[in-house]
Amino acid sequence: MVLIVGNEPEVVEADLRSGKLSCPHCQGELRPWGSARLRTTRLVVGVERHQPRRGHCCGCNKTSVLLAERFFARRVDEATLIGEALFAKATGSGQRTVAARVGRARETVRNWFARLGCRAAELSRHFLAWALALDARLHEVASWGSGFSDAVEAVALAARAASLCFGPKPVWSWASRMTAGGLLANTTWPYPAPP
């Protein structure tokens, strides 16, 4: 299982060592448990090699990978870059144009669009639930006319509401947190419920 954590490795390490991180399985206390495999992530500019920490639950004995919120689980590109592509599609750009803009293969971009598109209604409901839970002033949200665009709009609304409540973060970092890294998961992924 993946636990989305902050982007500062030293803060995550301190939280892990002091028992401040909770197990995503049972809410027990996570303790240090080695590291996951070394990963290479493509950034907006360049690449980054990183090795996420693992946490071991003292309660249920399960381990979790601690993945920084600027990434999505099982994706080689950082969340900001993927989000830029998703936003471009939601506002009317095609696969070839988006692929050229973000510097990725058309097949990669098409895969991102397909993953979000096949779960668009579910993602819209999920992010709107977060937005409404965090911002009571939101009432009716207008449709953009397509499930894909509505899902991206719901991500933006939820991220805005979360930034107003908890402090500013990039939209796609909030999207990673609110989906436990599984925004573009190929399989059923347990999304965390709004507070």
C-alpha atoms as a PDB file:
ATOM      1  CA  MET A   1       0.000   0.000   0.000  1.00  0.00           C
ATOM      2  CA  VAL A   2       1.071   3.591  -0.589  1.00  0.00           C
ATOM      3  CA  LEU A   3       0.918   6.375   1.976  1.00  0.00           C
ATOM      4  CA  ILE A   4       1.190   9.857   0.490  1.00  0.00           C
ATOM      5  CA  VAL A   5       3.442  12.097   2.591  1.00  0.00           C
ATOM      6  CA  GLY A   6       4.976  15.552   2.262  1.00  0.00           C
ATOM      7  CA  ASN A   7       7.697  16.428  -0.224  1.00  0.00           C
ATOM      8  CA  GLU A   8      10.471  17.099   2.326  1.00  0.00           C
ATOM      9  CA  PRO A   9      12.346  13.808   2.978  1.00  0.00           C
ATOM     10  CA  GLU A  10      13.892  15.025   6.241  1.00  0.00           C
ATOM     11  CA  VAL A  11      10.475  15.974   7.662  1.00  0.00           C
ATOM     12  CA  VAL A  12       9.000  12.617   6.569  1.00  0.00           C
ATOM     13  CA  GLU A  13      11.932  10.795   8.179  1.00  0.00           C
ATOM     14  CA  ALA A  14      11.513  12.710  11.450  1.00  0.00           C
ATOM     15  CA  ASP A  15       7.760  12.003  11.458  1.00  0.00           C
ATOM     16  CA  LEU A  16       8.368   8.321  10.763  1.00  0.00           C
ATOM     17  CA  ARG A  17      10.974   7.985  13.530  1.00  0.00           C
ATOM     18  CA  SER A  18       8.790   9.805  16.066  1.00  0.00           C
ATOM     19  CA  GLY A  19       5.691   7.695  15.277  1.00  0.00           C
ATOM     20  CA  LYS A  20       3.617  10.557  13.810  1.00  0.00           C
ATOM     21  CA  LEU A  21       2.630   8.665  10.643  1.00  0.00           C
ATOM     22  CA  SER A  22      -0.433   6.401  10.695  1.00  0.00           C
ATOM     23  CA  CYS A  23      -0.855   3.114   8.874  1.00  0.00           C
ATOM     24  CA  PRO A  24      -3.256   3.403   5.904  1.00  0.00           C
ATOM     25  CA  HIS A  25      -4.559  -0.106   6.721  1.00  0.00           C
ATOM     26  CA  CYS A  26      -5.461   0.208  10.409  1.00  0.00           C
ATOM     27  CA  GLN A  27      -4.354   3.694  11.583  1.00  0.00           C
ATOM     28  CA  GLY A  28      -1.673   2.118  13.782  1.00  0.00           C
ATOM     29  CA  GLU A  29       1.727   3.720  14.279  1.00  0.00           C
ATOM     30  CA  LEU A  30       4.253   3.396  11.432  1.00  0.00           C
ATOM     31  CA  ARG A  31       7.913   2.868  12.209  1.00  0.00           C
ATOM     32  CA  PRO A  32      10.953   2.851   9.863  1.00  0.00           C
ATOM     33  CA  TRP A  33      11.258  -0.292   7.714  1.00  0.00           C
ATOM     34  CA  GLY A  34      13.928   0.175   5.057  1.00  0.00           C
ATOM     35  CA  SER A  35      13.238   1.613   1.643  1.00  0.00           C
ATOM     36  CA  ALA A  36      11.323   0.791  -1.508  1.00  0.00           C
ATOM     37  CA  ARG A  37      13.093   0.277  -4.826  1.00  0.00           C
ATOM     38  CA  LEU A  38      15.081   3.083  -6.417  1.00  0.00           C
ATOM     39  CA  ARG A  39      12.856   5.032  -8.839  1.00  0.00           C
ATOM     40  CA  THR A  40      13.597   7.368 -11.692  1.00  0.00           C
ATOM     41  CA  THR A  41      10.905   9.995 -12.180  1.00  0.00           C
ATOM     42  CA  ARG A  42      10.667  12.289 -15.174  1.00  0.00           C
ATOM     43  CA  LEU A  43      10.156  15.880 -14.060  1.00  0.00           C
ATOM     44  CA  VAL A  44       8.918  18.872 -16.029  1.00  0.00           C
ATOM     45  CA  VAL A  45      12.619  19.550 -16.609  1.00  0.00           C
ATOM     46  CA  GLY A  46      15.035  16.639 -16.213  1.00  0.00           C
ATOM     47  CA  VAL A  47      14.800  13.481 -14.130  1.00  0.00           C
ATOM     48  CA  GLU A  48      15.127  12.630 -10.458  1.00  0.00           C
ATOM     49  CA  ARG A  49      16.246   9.412  -8.814  1.00  0.00           C
ATOM     50  CA  HIS A  50      14.682   8.793  -5.426  1.00  0.00           C
ATOM     51  CA  GLN A  51      14.119   5.908  -3.067  1.00  0.00           C
ATOM     52  CA  PRO A  52      10.930   6.227  -1.006  1.00  0.00           C
ATOM     53  CA  ARG A  53      11.006   5.053   2.597  1.00  0.00           C
ATOM     54  CA  ARG A  54       8.894   2.204   3.883  1.00  0.00           C
ATOM     55  CA  GLY A  55       6.975   2.190   7.114  1.00  0.00           C
ATOM     56  CA  HIS A  56       6.033  -0.874   9.168  1.00  0.00           C
ATOM     57  CA  CYS A  57       2.844  -0.848  11.236  1.00  0.00           C
ATOM     58  CA  CYS A  58       3.202  -1.882  14.855  1.00  0.00           C
ATOM     59  CA  GLY A  59      -0.493  -2.870  14.905  1.00  0.00           C
ATOM     60  CA  CYS A  60      -1.242  -4.914  11.775  1.00  0.00           C
ATOM     61  CA  ASN A  61       2.348  -5.784  10.757  1.00  0.00           C
ATOM     62  CA  LYS A  62       1.844  -4.482   7.189  1.00  0.00           C
ATOM     63  CA  THR A  63       4.298  -2.246   5.375  1.00  0.00           C
ATOM     64  CA  SER A  64       3.593   0.863   3.304  1.00  0.00           C
ATOM     65  CA  VAL A  65       5.639   2.844   0.795  1.00  0.00           C
ATOM     66  CA  LEU A  66       5.859   6.523   1.777  1.00  0.00           C
ATOM     67  CA  LEU A  67       5.471   8.375  -1.521  1.00  0.00           C
ATOM     68  CA  ALA A  68       5.904  12.148  -1.766  1.00  0.00           C
ATOM     69  CA  GLU A  69       2.738  13.993  -2.753  1.00  0.00           C
ATOM     70  CA  ARG A  70       4.327  15.348  -5.914  1.00  0.00           C
ATOM     71  CA  PHE A  71       4.092  11.884  -7.431  1.00  0.00           C
ATOM     72  CA  PHE A  72       1.300   9.513  -8.386  1.00  0.00           C
ATOM     73  CA  ALA A  73       1.662   5.822  -7.597  1.00  0.00           C
ATOM     74  CA  ARG A  74       2.836   3.643 -10.486  1.00  0.00           C
ATOM     75  CA  ARG A  75       3.586   6.602 -12.756  1.00  0.00           C
ATOM     76  CA  VAL A  76       7.032   7.523 -14.039  1.00  0.00           C
ATOM     77  CA  ASP A  77       6.187  11.223 -14.535  1.00  0.00           C
ATOM     78  CA  GLU A  78       5.692  13.738 -11.740  1.00  0.00           C
ATOM     79  CA  ALA A  79       2.159  14.800 -10.850  1.00  0.00           C
ATOM     80  CA  THR A  80       2.582  18.399 -12.049  1.00  0.00           C
ATOM     81  CA  LEU A  81       3.520  17.297 -15.553  1.00  0.00           C
ATOM     82  CA  ILE A  82       0.653  14.804 -15.765  1.00  0.00           C
ATOM     83  CA  GLY A  83      -1.722  17.427 -14.368  1.00  0.00           C
ATOM     84  CA  GLU A  84      -0.641  19.943 -16.977  1.00  0.00           C
ATOM     85  CA  ALA A  85      -1.524  17.415 -19.677  1.00  0.00           C
ATOM     86  CA  LEU A  86      -4.890  16.582 -18.098  1.00  0.00           C
ATOM     87  CA  PHE A  87      -5.769  20.267 -17.807  1.00  0.00           C
ATOM     88  CA  ALA A  88      -4.834  20.872 -21.457  1.00  0.00           C
ATOM     89  CA  LYS A  89      -7.115  18.020 -22.537  1.00  0.00           C
ATOM     90  CA  ALA A  90      -9.953  19.329 -20.334  1.00  0.00           C
ATOM     91  CA  THR A  91      -9.692  22.721 -22.008  1.00  0.00           C
ATOM     92  CA  GLY A  92      -9.856  21.301 -25.536  1.00  0.00           C
ATOM     93  CA  SER A  93      -6.354  20.305 -26.651  1.00  0.00           C
ATOM     94  CA  GLY A  94      -5.816  17.017 -28.472  1.00  0.00           C
ATOM     95  CA  GLN A  95      -3.374  14.192 -27.747  1.00  0.00           C
ATOM     96  CA  ARG A  96      -0.718  15.239 -30.274  1.00  0.00           C
ATOM     97  CA  THR A  97      -0.736  18.858 -29.125  1.00  0.00           C
ATOM     98  CA  VAL A  98      -0.554  17.894 -25.455  1.00  0.00           C
ATOM     99  CA  ALA A  99       2.176  15.317 -26.067  1.00  0.00           C
ATOM    100  CA  ALA A 100       4.279  17.926 -27.860  1.00  0.00           C
ATOM    101  CA  ARG A 101       3.627  20.507 -25.128  1.00  0.00           C
ATOM    102  CA  VAL A 102       4.704  18.233 -22.250  1.00  0.00           C
ATOM    103  CA  GLY A 103       7.445  16.445 -24.204  1.00  0.00           C
ATOM    104  CA  ARG A 104       6.078  12.916 -23.849  1.00  0.00           C
ATOM    105  CA  ALA A 105       5.135  10.186 -26.294  1.00  0.00           C
ATOM    106  CA  ARG A 106       1.608  10.386 -27.659  1.00  0.00           C
ATOM    107  CA  GLU A 107       0.913   6.868 -26.333  1.00  0.00           C
ATOM    108  CA  THR A 108       1.865   7.950 -22.804  1.00  0.00           C
ATOM    109  CA  VAL A 109      -0.443  10.956 -22.948  1.00  0.00           C
ATOM    110  CA  ARG A 110      -3.233   8.848 -24.461  1.00  0.00           C
ATOM    111  CA  ASN A 111      -2.852   6.414 -21.541  1.00  0.00           C
ATOM    112  CA  TRP A 112      -3.214   9.245 -18.991  1.00  0.00           C
ATOM    113  CA  PHE A 113      -6.335  10.479 -20.747  1.00  0.00           C
ATOM    114  CA  ALA A 114      -7.810   6.982 -20.910  1.00  0.00           C
ATOM    115  CA  ARG A 115      -7.121   6.272 -17.223  1.00  0.00           C
ATOM    116  CA  LEU A 116      -8.805   9.483 -16.097  1.00  0.00           C
ATOM    117  CA  GLY A 117     -11.572   9.201 -18.675  1.00  0.00           C
ATOM    118  CA  CYS A 118     -12.699   5.719 -17.670  1.00  0.00           C
ATOM    119  CA  ARG A 119     -13.124   6.834 -14.028  1.00  0.00           C
ATOM    120  CA  ALA A 120     -14.179  10.429 -14.672  1.00  0.00           C
ATOM    121  CA  ALA A 121     -17.619  10.200 -13.041  1.00  0.00           C
ATOM    122  CA  GLU A 122     -16.222   8.462  -9.944  1.00  0.00           C
ATOM    123  CA  LEU A 123     -13.373  10.982  -9.678  1.00  0.00           C
ATOM    124  CA  SER A 124     -15.774  13.925 -10.094  1.00  0.00           C
ATOM    125  CA  ARG A 125     -17.921  12.653  -7.223  1.00  0.00           C
ATOM    126  CA  HIS A 126     -14.853  11.990  -5.062  1.00  0.00           C
ATOM    127  CA  PHE A 127     -13.275  15.425  -5.540  1.00  0.00           C
ATOM    128  CA  LEU A 128     -16.583  17.266  -5.264  1.00  0.00           C
ATOM    129  CA  ALA A 129     -17.179  15.494  -1.942  1.00  0.00           C
ATOM    130  CA  TRP A 130     -13.790  16.808  -0.779  1.00  0.00           C
ATOM    131  CA  ALA A 131     -14.533  20.304  -2.059  1.00  0.00           C
ATOM    132  CA  LEU A 132     -17.926  20.431  -0.354  1.00  0.00           C
ATOM    133  CA  ALA A 133     -16.550  19.009   2.906  1.00  0.00           C
ATOM    134  CA  LEU A 134     -13.806  21.654   3.001  1.00  0.00           C
ATOM    135  CA  ASP A 135     -15.717  24.670   1.700  1.00  0.00           C
ATOM    136  CA  ALA A 136     -19.297  25.018   2.894  1.00  0.00           C
ATOM    137  CA  ARG A 137     -19.773  28.022   0.581  1.00  0.00           C
ATOM    138  CA  LEU A 138     -19.790  25.772  -2.467  1.00  0.00           C
ATOM    139  CA  HIS A 139     -23.267  24.849  -3.520  1.00  0.00           C
ATOM    140  CA  GLU A 140     -23.959  24.017  -7.117  1.00  0.00           C
ATOM    141  CA  VAL A 141     -21.091  23.217  -9.458  1.00  0.00           C
ATOM    142  CA  ALA A 142     -21.739  23.757 -13.159  1.00  0.00           C
ATOM    143  CA  SER A 143     -20.837  21.047 -15.656  1.00  0.00           C
ATOM    144  CA  TRP A 144     -18.279  21.727 -18.365  1.00  0.00           C
ATOM    145  CA  GLY A 145     -20.124  19.395 -20.701  1.00  0.00           C
ATOM    146  CA  SER A 146     -17.823  16.365 -20.605  1.00  0.00           C
ATOM    147  CA  GLY A 147     -17.040  13.859 -17.880  1.00  0.00           C
ATOM    148  CA  PHE A 148     -13.305  14.371 -18.358  1.00  0.00           C
ATOM    149  CA  SER A 149     -13.512  18.160 -18.017  1.00  0.00           C
ATOM    150  CA  ASP A 150     -15.865  17.860 -15.046  1.00  0.00           C
ATOM    151  CA  ALA A 151     -13.358  15.576 -13.279  1.00  0.00           C
ATOM    152  CA  VAL A 152     -10.484  18.027 -13.834  1.00  0.00           C
ATOM    153  CA  GLU A 153     -12.682  20.920 -12.629  1.00  0.00           C
ATOM    154  CA  ALA A 154     -13.581  18.910  -9.508  1.00  0.00           C
ATOM    155  CA  VAL A 155      -9.856  18.353  -8.815  1.00  0.00           C
ATOM    156  CA  ALA A 156      -9.280  22.115  -9.064  1.00  0.00           C
ATOM    157  CA  LEU A 157     -12.206  22.923  -6.752  1.00  0.00           C
ATOM    158  CA  ALA A 158     -11.081  20.402  -4.133  1.00  0.00           C
ATOM    159  CA  ALA A 159      -7.475  21.631  -4.308  1.00  0.00           C
ATOM    160  CA  ARG A 160      -8.600  25.247  -3.883  1.00  0.00           C
ATOM    161  CA  ALA A 161     -10.751  24.340  -0.880  1.00  0.00           C
ATOM    162  CA  ALA A 162      -7.902  22.323   0.681  1.00  0.00           C
ATOM    163  CA  SER A 163      -5.397  25.137   0.121  1.00  0.00           C
ATOM    164  CA  LEU A 164      -7.748  27.598   1.809  1.00  0.00           C
ATOM    165  CA  CYS A 165      -8.174  25.259   4.808  1.00  0.00           C
ATOM    166  CA  PHE A 166      -4.691  23.814   5.233  1.00  0.00           C
ATOM    167  CA  GLY A 167      -2.325  26.109   3.367  1.00  0.00           C
ATOM    168  CA  PRO A 168      -1.298  26.414  -0.263  1.00  0.00           C
ATOM    169  CA  LYS A 169       0.002  23.455  -2.234  1.00  0.00           C
ATOM    170  CA  PRO A 170       0.041  22.721  -5.952  1.00  0.00           C
ATOM    171  CA  VAL A 171      -3.250  21.388  -7.345  1.00  0.00           C
ATOM    172  CA  TRP A 172      -1.780  18.035  -8.339  1.00  0.00           C
ATOM    173  CA  SER A 173      -0.143  17.517  -4.932  1.00  0.00           C
ATOM    174  CA  TRP A 174      -3.619  17.801  -3.434  1.00  0.00           C
ATOM    175  CA  ALA A 175      -4.919  15.408  -6.106  1.00  0.00           C
ATOM    176  CA  SER A 176      -2.255  12.890  -5.102  1.00  0.00           C
ATOM    177  CA  ARG A 177      -3.135  13.225  -1.408  1.00  0.00           C
ATOM    178  CA  MET A 178      -6.880  12.997  -1.984  1.00  0.00           C
ATOM    179  CA  THR A 179      -6.535   9.802  -4.044  1.00  0.00           C
ATOM    180  CA  ALA A 180      -3.737   8.175  -2.008  1.00  0.00           C
ATOM    181  CA  GLY A 181      -1.583   8.496  -5.133  1.00  0.00           C
ATOM    182  CA  GLY A 182      -4.068   6.572  -7.257  1.00  0.00           C
ATOM    183  CA  LEU A 183      -5.534   9.275  -9.502  1.00  0.00           C
ATOM    184  CA  LEU A 184      -4.510   7.313 -12.607  1.00  0.00           C
ATOM    185  CA  ALA A 185      -4.445   3.820 -11.102  1.00  0.00           C
ATOM    186  CA  ASN A 186      -5.081   0.900 -13.459  1.00  0.00           C
ATOM    187  CA  THR A 187      -6.916  -1.032 -10.775  1.00  0.00           C
ATOM    188  CA  THR A 188      -9.458  -0.348  -8.083  1.00  0.00           C
ATOM    189  CA  TRP A 189      -7.782   2.051  -5.681  1.00  0.00           C
ATOM    190  CA  PRO A 190      -9.045   2.986  -2.220  1.00  0.00           C
ATOM    191  CA  TYR A 191      -9.490   6.753  -2.143  1.00  0.00           C
ATOM    192  CA  PRO A 192      -9.405   8.398   1.281  1.00  0.00           C
ATOM    193  CA  ALA A 193     -12.749   9.843   2.378  1.00  0.00           C
ATOM    194  CA  PRO A 194     -13.074  13.579   2.975  1.00  0.00           C
ATOM    195  CA  PRO A 195     -12.825  14.757   6.583  1.00  0.00           C
END
